[in-house]
């Protein structure tokens, strides 16, 4: 039996699922992917192992991402995957007596939130709360969302970019953009196809984004651009044969330009929708960036340059939602106010 000191927080993200356990921190970080054999209906792999099969599996093996653009596209597979992740995090033990907070993308419907809650309850959890990711991200980044002075967070994940201004324990105004890390990858694929004449897959695009991705290429003291470079492989569009090519952070700046502009516009629109007093708080305190997409090099500087706001990257941007779900359990009375669905 587990006691309340084993509180669990789950970040059910479009690209990755993270699980936080009190006093242990983030104990699981797996890709939100599941693979099954359609002949036998047997689950073959979940998480990173399943992700490695994307684009490579034989016709009888179906590899899916059950969350798309922040929405649960296949609930049965999501439930199967989530059950396996929870068991993995607990060493295959049932979560008896656990209090669990699940952070879900803001595009998830109330029906889906209740279904996610039911999955976790059926595994033996004592209490389950559902929290929108922007709220969880703000808590995980150390922002005081209970203060009368507003704070702002932009959580850029795999499927959605959620921008929210919070005060007095709730979201005052928010914008959810179904355009985030996955779409950044698509933009990189299109750029490489057009400019390099090479076809690459999502895995290569993601690697380029992580290693040389840049929202803004800076210059050194002598005015020379600071450019990173890496080699990648793909298929030559003319010959059809494998080809190695070079890609730089300057290429990535161009590839991601429209994507970054969409994020900046969403941030501007969120501030414009806020009451004047709230906007004044944000002008003074600035904004916090969280999520894997927020880690793109110099995105904070680009947003600051375009908006005039001070922009900070969270200390642990990638884990912010998972940390926030865990931290929120420290005060259940407040959590019941934060939660999208009250405890049943």
Protein backbone atom coordinates (compact mmCIF):
# COMPACT_ATOMS: atom_id res chain seq x y z
CA UNK A 1 0.00 0.00 0.00
CA UNK A 2 1.17 3.49 -0.85
CA UNK A 3 0.54 6.45 1.44
CA UNK A 4 -0.01 10.12 0.56
CA UNK A 5 3.74 10.70 0.49
CA UNK A 6 3.61 8.81 -2.82
CA UNK A 7 1.56 11.47 -4.57
CA UNK A 8 1.86 11.24 -8.34
CA UNK A 9 1.75 13.88 -11.07
CA UNK A 10 1.33 12.96 -14.76
CA UNK A 11 2.03 15.20 -17.75
CA UNK A 12 0.00 13.57 -20.52
CA UNK A 13 1.53 15.42 -23.45
CA UNK A 14 1.07 15.03 -27.18
CA UNK A 15 4.75 14.23 -27.75
CA UNK A 16 5.88 12.87 -24.37
CA UNK A 17 4.38 11.64 -21.12
CA UNK A 18 6.20 12.38 -17.87
CA UNK A 19 5.41 10.97 -14.43
CA UNK A 20 6.44 12.67 -11.18
CA UNK A 21 6.42 10.96 -7.78
CA UNK A 22 6.75 12.94 -4.58
CA UNK A 23 10.23 12.80 -3.02
CA UNK A 24 11.56 11.09 -6.17
CA UNK A 25 10.98 13.69 -8.87
CA UNK A 26 10.35 12.78 -12.53
CA UNK A 27 10.67 8.98 -12.67
CA UNK A 28 9.36 8.38 -16.20
CA UNK A 29 9.78 10.26 -19.47
CA UNK A 30 8.45 8.34 -22.46
CA UNK A 31 7.23 9.22 -25.94
CA UNK A 32 3.43 9.28 -26.19
CA UNK A 33 3.41 6.46 -28.73
CA UNK A 34 2.02 2.92 -28.72
CA UNK A 35 2.50 0.01 -31.14
CA UNK A 36 0.29 -3.04 -31.60
CA UNK A 37 -0.08 -6.05 -33.88
CA UNK A 38 -3.37 -5.70 -35.75
CA UNK A 39 -3.57 -9.46 -36.37
CA UNK A 40 -3.49 -10.39 -32.70
CA UNK A 41 -4.54 -6.99 -31.23
CA UNK A 42 -1.58 -7.37 -28.87
CA UNK A 43 0.33 -4.34 -27.59
CA UNK A 44 3.95 -4.72 -28.69
CA UNK A 45 5.59 -1.59 -27.30
CA UNK A 46 4.91 1.77 -25.71
CA UNK A 47 6.89 4.95 -25.27
CA UNK A 48 10.38 5.40 -26.71
CA UNK A 49 10.53 1.79 -27.97
CA UNK A 50 7.31 2.33 -29.93
CA UNK A 51 8.53 5.70 -31.23
CA UNK A 52 11.61 4.01 -32.69
CA UNK A 53 9.23 1.95 -34.86
CA UNK A 54 7.59 4.98 -36.50
CA UNK A 55 8.07 4.84 -40.25
CA UNK A 56 9.83 1.47 -40.03
CA UNK A 57 7.18 -1.04 -38.92
CA UNK A 58 5.90 -3.82 -41.23
CA UNK A 59 2.29 -3.55 -42.44
CA UNK A 60 0.84 -5.69 -39.61
CA UNK A 61 2.35 -3.50 -36.90
CA UNK A 62 0.42 -0.30 -36.27
CA UNK A 63 2.35 2.49 -34.56
CA UNK A 64 0.26 5.45 -33.45
CA UNK A 65 0.49 8.62 -31.46
CA UNK A 66 -2.86 8.53 -29.61
CA UNK A 67 -2.80 12.27 -28.93
CA UNK A 68 -2.71 14.58 -31.93
CA UNK A 69 -2.51 18.37 -31.74
CA UNK A 70 -3.45 18.30 -28.07
CA UNK A 71 -6.54 16.13 -28.64
CA UNK A 72 -7.00 12.46 -27.75
CA UNK A 73 -7.50 10.87 -31.18
CA UNK A 74 -7.63 7.27 -29.93
CA UNK A 75 -8.88 6.95 -26.38
CA UNK A 76 -8.57 3.17 -26.06
CA UNK A 77 -4.90 3.30 -27.01
CA UNK A 78 -4.35 6.29 -24.71
CA UNK A 79 -5.82 4.30 -21.82
CA UNK A 80 -3.66 1.24 -22.61
CA UNK A 81 -0.54 3.37 -22.86
CA UNK A 82 -1.25 5.35 -19.69
CA UNK A 83 -1.85 2.17 -17.70
CA UNK A 84 1.51 0.77 -18.80
CA UNK A 85 3.32 4.00 -18.00
CA UNK A 86 1.85 4.18 -14.49
CA UNK A 87 2.75 0.55 -13.77
CA UNK A 88 6.26 1.17 -15.11
CA UNK A 89 6.67 4.22 -12.85
CA UNK A 90 5.55 2.19 -9.82
CA UNK A 91 7.56 -0.91 -10.62
CA UNK A 92 4.47 -2.82 -11.83
CA UNK A 93 2.63 -2.26 -8.53
CA UNK A 94 -0.95 -1.05 -8.42
CA UNK A 95 -1.30 2.61 -7.39
CA UNK A 96 -3.26 1.79 -4.21
CA UNK A 97 -4.08 4.86 -2.16
CA UNK A 98 -2.29 7.25 -4.52
CA UNK A 99 -3.46 10.79 -5.08
CA UNK A 100 -2.88 11.60 -8.75
CA UNK A 101 -2.97 14.85 -10.72
CA UNK A 102 -3.01 14.54 -14.50
CA UNK A 103 -2.00 17.51 -16.61
CA UNK A 104 -3.79 17.41 -19.98
CA UNK A 105 -3.61 19.62 -23.09
CA UNK A 106 -6.14 22.42 -23.06
CA UNK A 107 -7.79 21.02 -26.21
CA UNK A 108 -8.96 17.89 -24.38
CA UNK A 109 -12.75 17.86 -23.89
CA UNK A 110 -14.56 17.48 -20.57
CA UNK A 111 -15.69 13.99 -21.62
CA UNK A 112 -12.08 13.00 -22.32
CA UNK A 113 -10.94 14.47 -19.00
CA UNK A 114 -13.50 12.34 -17.17
CA UNK A 115 -12.39 9.30 -19.16
CA UNK A 116 -8.72 9.89 -18.28
CA UNK A 117 -9.74 10.26 -14.64
CA UNK A 118 -11.63 6.96 -14.84
CA UNK A 119 -8.60 5.13 -16.28
CA UNK A 120 -6.41 6.22 -13.36
CA UNK A 121 -9.15 5.48 -10.79
CA UNK A 122 -9.61 2.00 -12.23
CA UNK A 123 -5.91 1.35 -11.62
CA UNK A 124 -6.53 1.81 -7.90
CA UNK A 125 -5.81 5.49 -7.28
CA UNK A 126 -7.58 7.02 -4.28
CA UNK A 127 -8.11 10.52 -5.68
CA UNK A 128 -7.66 11.88 -9.20
CA UNK A 129 -7.60 15.51 -10.30
CA UNK A 130 -7.36 16.86 -13.85
CA UNK A 131 -5.37 20.04 -14.38
CA UNK A 132 -4.98 22.09 -17.56
CA UNK A 133 -1.36 22.21 -18.70
CA UNK A 134 -0.94 26.02 -18.58
CA UNK A 135 -1.87 26.03 -14.87
CA UNK A 136 0.40 23.07 -14.15
CA UNK A 137 3.25 24.65 -16.12
CA UNK A 138 2.95 27.92 -14.20
CA UNK A 139 3.03 26.08 -10.85
CA UNK A 140 5.96 23.92 -11.99
CA UNK A 141 7.89 27.00 -13.12
CA UNK A 142 7.54 28.52 -9.65
CA UNK A 143 5.04 31.25 -10.49
CA UNK A 144 2.66 32.38 -7.75
CA UNK A 145 -0.69 31.93 -9.46
CA UNK A 146 -2.60 32.77 -6.25
CA UNK A 147 -1.26 36.32 -6.07
CA UNK A 148 -3.46 39.26 -7.07
CA UNK A 149 -0.62 40.41 -9.29
CA UNK A 150 -0.97 38.48 -12.53
CA UNK A 151 1.67 36.19 -14.05
CA UNK A 152 1.98 34.85 -17.58
CA UNK A 153 3.18 31.54 -18.98
CA UNK A 154 3.66 30.21 -22.51
CA UNK A 155 3.82 26.40 -22.49
CA UNK A 156 4.98 25.18 -25.91
CA UNK A 157 4.62 21.43 -26.13
CA UNK A 158 4.46 18.93 -28.98
CA UNK A 159 0.84 19.42 -30.05
CA UNK A 160 -0.21 22.73 -28.54
CA UNK A 161 1.17 26.06 -27.45
CA UNK A 162 -0.83 27.23 -24.45
CA UNK A 163 -0.45 30.84 -23.41
CA UNK A 164 -2.19 31.95 -20.23
CA UNK A 165 -2.34 34.85 -17.82
CA UNK A 166 -3.19 33.74 -14.29
CA UNK A 167 -4.15 35.55 -11.10
CA UNK A 168 -5.94 34.68 -7.84
CA UNK A 169 -5.69 30.96 -8.55
CA UNK A 170 -7.29 30.96 -11.98
CA UNK A 171 -6.77 31.68 -15.66
CA UNK A 172 -7.81 35.24 -16.50
CA UNK A 173 -7.27 34.96 -20.23
CA UNK A 174 -5.68 32.30 -22.42
CA UNK A 175 -4.92 31.27 -25.98
CA UNK A 176 -4.47 27.69 -27.14
CA UNK A 177 -2.70 27.24 -30.45
CA UNK A 178 -2.67 23.83 -32.10
CA UNK A 179 0.69 24.71 -33.51
CA UNK A 180 3.78 23.68 -31.59
CA UNK A 181 6.72 21.24 -31.68
CA UNK A 182 5.17 18.78 -34.17
CA UNK A 183 4.39 21.58 -36.61
CA UNK A 184 7.92 22.95 -36.15
CA UNK A 185 9.17 19.56 -37.35
CA UNK A 186 6.89 19.71 -40.38
CA UNK A 187 8.20 23.18 -41.22
CA UNK A 188 11.77 21.86 -41.08
CA UNK A 189 10.88 18.91 -43.36
CA UNK A 190 9.34 21.28 -45.92
CA UNK A 191 12.32 23.66 -45.77
CA UNK A 192 14.88 20.86 -46.29
CA UNK A 193 12.82 19.47 -49.15
CA UNK A 194 12.59 22.85 -50.87
CA UNK A 195 16.05 24.28 -50.17
CA UNK A 196 18.23 21.17 -49.98
CA UNK A 197 16.34 18.89 -52.37
CA UNK A 198 16.29 16.18 -49.72
CA UNK A 199 13.40 14.32 -48.12
CA UNK A 200 13.81 13.71 -44.39
CA UNK A 201 11.59 12.10 -41.78
CA UNK A 202 10.16 13.43 -38.54
CA UNK A 203 12.96 11.90 -36.45
CA UNK A 204 15.66 13.74 -38.42
CA UNK A 205 13.67 16.98 -38.34
CA UNK A 206 13.36 16.73 -34.58
CA UNK A 207 17.09 16.11 -34.23
CA UNK A 208 17.84 19.18 -36.37
CA UNK A 209 15.43 21.23 -34.25
CA UNK A 210 17.08 20.16 -31.01
CA UNK A 211 20.70 20.39 -32.08
CA UNK A 212 20.78 23.46 -34.37
CA UNK A 213 17.25 24.86 -34.12
CA UNK A 214 17.21 28.62 -33.59
CA UNK A 215 14.54 31.29 -33.42
CA UNK A 216 17.12 34.04 -33.76
CA UNK A 217 20.74 33.81 -34.92
CA UNK A 218 22.78 36.21 -32.83
CA UNK A 219 25.97 38.07 -33.69
CA UNK A 220 29.22 38.21 -31.74
CA UNK A 221 31.07 41.36 -30.67
CA UNK A 222 32.55 41.72 -34.17
CA UNK A 223 29.12 41.55 -35.80
CA UNK A 224 29.67 38.02 -37.13
CA UNK A 225 26.73 35.62 -36.91
CA UNK A 226 27.12 32.78 -34.41
CA UNK A 227 26.16 29.78 -36.53
CA UNK A 228 25.97 26.12 -35.52
CA UNK A 229 26.13 23.31 -38.07
CA UNK A 230 25.39 19.61 -38.28
CA UNK A 231 25.23 16.88 -40.91
CA UNK A 232 22.06 14.90 -41.52
CA UNK A 233 20.88 12.22 -43.92
CA UNK A 234 17.86 11.90 -46.11
CA UNK A 235 16.74 10.80 -49.58
CA UNK A 236 17.73 12.85 -52.60
CA UNK A 237 14.55 13.92 -54.41
CA UNK A 238 16.14 13.61 -57.86
CA UNK A 239 18.21 10.41 -57.63
CA UNK A 240 16.13 8.73 -54.95
CA UNK A 241 19.34 7.67 -53.25
CA UNK A 242 20.52 8.40 -49.68
CA UNK A 243 22.24 11.76 -49.33
CA UNK A 244 24.16 13.51 -46.56
CA UNK A 245 23.69 17.27 -46.29
CA UNK A 246 24.67 20.06 -43.93
CA UNK A 247 22.18 22.19 -42.02
CA UNK A 248 22.94 25.31 -39.98
CA UNK A 249 21.18 27.33 -37.31
CA UNK A 250 20.73 29.98 -40.04
CA UNK A 251 18.78 27.40 -42.07
CA UNK A 252 16.70 26.61 -39.00
CA UNK A 253 15.99 30.29 -38.36
CA UNK A 254 14.57 30.50 -41.89
CA UNK A 255 12.71 27.18 -41.60
CA UNK A 256 11.09 28.17 -38.30
CA UNK A 257 10.44 31.83 -39.10
CA UNK A 258 6.69 31.50 -39.77
CA UNK A 259 6.24 29.15 -36.80
CA UNK A 260 7.96 31.59 -34.45
CA UNK A 261 5.83 34.46 -35.78
CA UNK A 262 2.68 32.46 -34.99
CA UNK A 263 3.84 31.94 -31.41
CA UNK A 264 4.70 35.63 -31.01
CA UNK A 265 1.33 36.69 -32.45
CA UNK A 266 -0.51 34.35 -30.04
CA UNK A 267 1.38 35.88 -27.11
CA UNK A 268 0.55 39.41 -28.29
CA UNK A 269 -3.12 38.50 -28.75
CA UNK A 270 -3.31 37.03 -25.25
CA UNK A 271 -1.97 40.23 -23.69
CA UNK A 272 -4.33 42.32 -25.84
CA UNK A 273 -7.33 40.34 -24.52
CA UNK A 274 -6.36 41.00 -20.90
CA UNK A 275 -7.90 43.81 -18.78
CA UNK A 276 -5.64 46.91 -18.56
CA UNK A 277 -4.60 46.28 -14.93
CA UNK A 278 -3.64 42.71 -15.78
CA UNK A 279 -1.66 43.84 -18.84
CA UNK A 280 0.18 46.32 -16.62
CA UNK A 281 1.21 43.49 -14.27
CA UNK A 282 2.57 41.50 -17.21
CA UNK A 283 4.44 44.52 -18.57
CA UNK A 284 6.19 44.75 -15.19
CA UNK A 285 6.73 41.03 -14.42
CA UNK A 286 7.19 39.62 -17.92
CA UNK A 287 6.47 36.09 -19.09
CA UNK A 288 7.75 32.57 -18.37
CA UNK A 289 8.50 30.08 -21.17
CA UNK A 290 8.00 26.36 -20.52
CA UNK A 291 7.76 23.16 -22.55
CA UNK A 292 10.16 21.50 -24.98
CA UNK A 293 9.32 24.02 -27.70
CA UNK A 294 10.25 26.85 -25.37
CA UNK A 295 13.81 25.52 -25.35
CA UNK A 296 14.48 26.45 -29.00
CA UNK A 297 17.59 28.61 -28.93
CA UNK A 298 16.91 32.32 -28.47
CA UNK A 299 13.12 32.00 -28.60
CA UNK A 300 12.99 33.97 -25.35
CA UNK A 301 15.09 36.74 -26.92
CA UNK A 302 12.94 36.81 -30.06
CA UNK A 303 9.70 37.14 -28.05
CA UNK A 304 11.26 39.85 -25.91
CA UNK A 305 12.41 41.74 -28.99
CA UNK A 306 8.99 41.50 -30.65
CA UNK A 307 6.85 42.31 -27.58
CA UNK A 308 9.06 44.48 -25.37
CA UNK A 309 8.35 42.13 -22.45
CA UNK A 310 10.92 40.49 -20.25
CA UNK A 311 10.89 36.78 -21.08
CA UNK A 312 12.46 34.06 -18.91
CA UNK A 313 12.98 30.37 -19.61
CA UNK A 314 11.89 28.16 -16.70
CA UNK A 315 14.65 26.44 -14.76
CA UNK A 316 13.28 23.06 -15.87
CA UNK A 317 11.14 23.92 -18.90
CA UNK A 318 10.69 20.38 -20.18
CA UNK A 319 9.53 19.05 -16.80
CA UNK A 320 7.47 22.08 -15.77
CA UNK A 321 4.02 20.52 -16.28
CA UNK A 322 5.00 17.27 -14.51
CA UNK A 323 6.53 19.22 -11.61
CA UNK A 324 3.44 21.42 -11.42
CA UNK A 325 1.07 18.47 -11.22
CA UNK A 326 3.12 17.08 -8.33
CA UNK A 327 3.49 20.40 -6.50
CA UNK A 328 -0.23 21.11 -6.78
CA UNK A 329 -0.94 18.20 -4.41
CA UNK A 330 0.80 20.05 -1.57
CA UNK A 331 -2.44 21.99 -1.02
CA UNK A 332 -5.49 19.94 -2.00
CA UNK A 333 -7.94 22.75 -1.14
CA UNK A 334 -6.24 25.00 -3.69
CA UNK A 335 -5.95 22.11 -6.13
CA UNK A 336 -9.70 21.64 -6.10
CA UNK A 337 -10.01 25.25 -7.24
CA UNK A 338 -7.29 24.87 -9.90
CA UNK A 339 -8.55 21.54 -11.26
CA UNK A 340 -10.61 21.53 -14.41
CA UNK A 341 -12.78 18.81 -12.90
CA UNK A 342 -13.51 18.58 -9.20
CA UNK A 343 -12.67 15.34 -7.45
CA UNK A 344 -15.54 12.92 -7.73
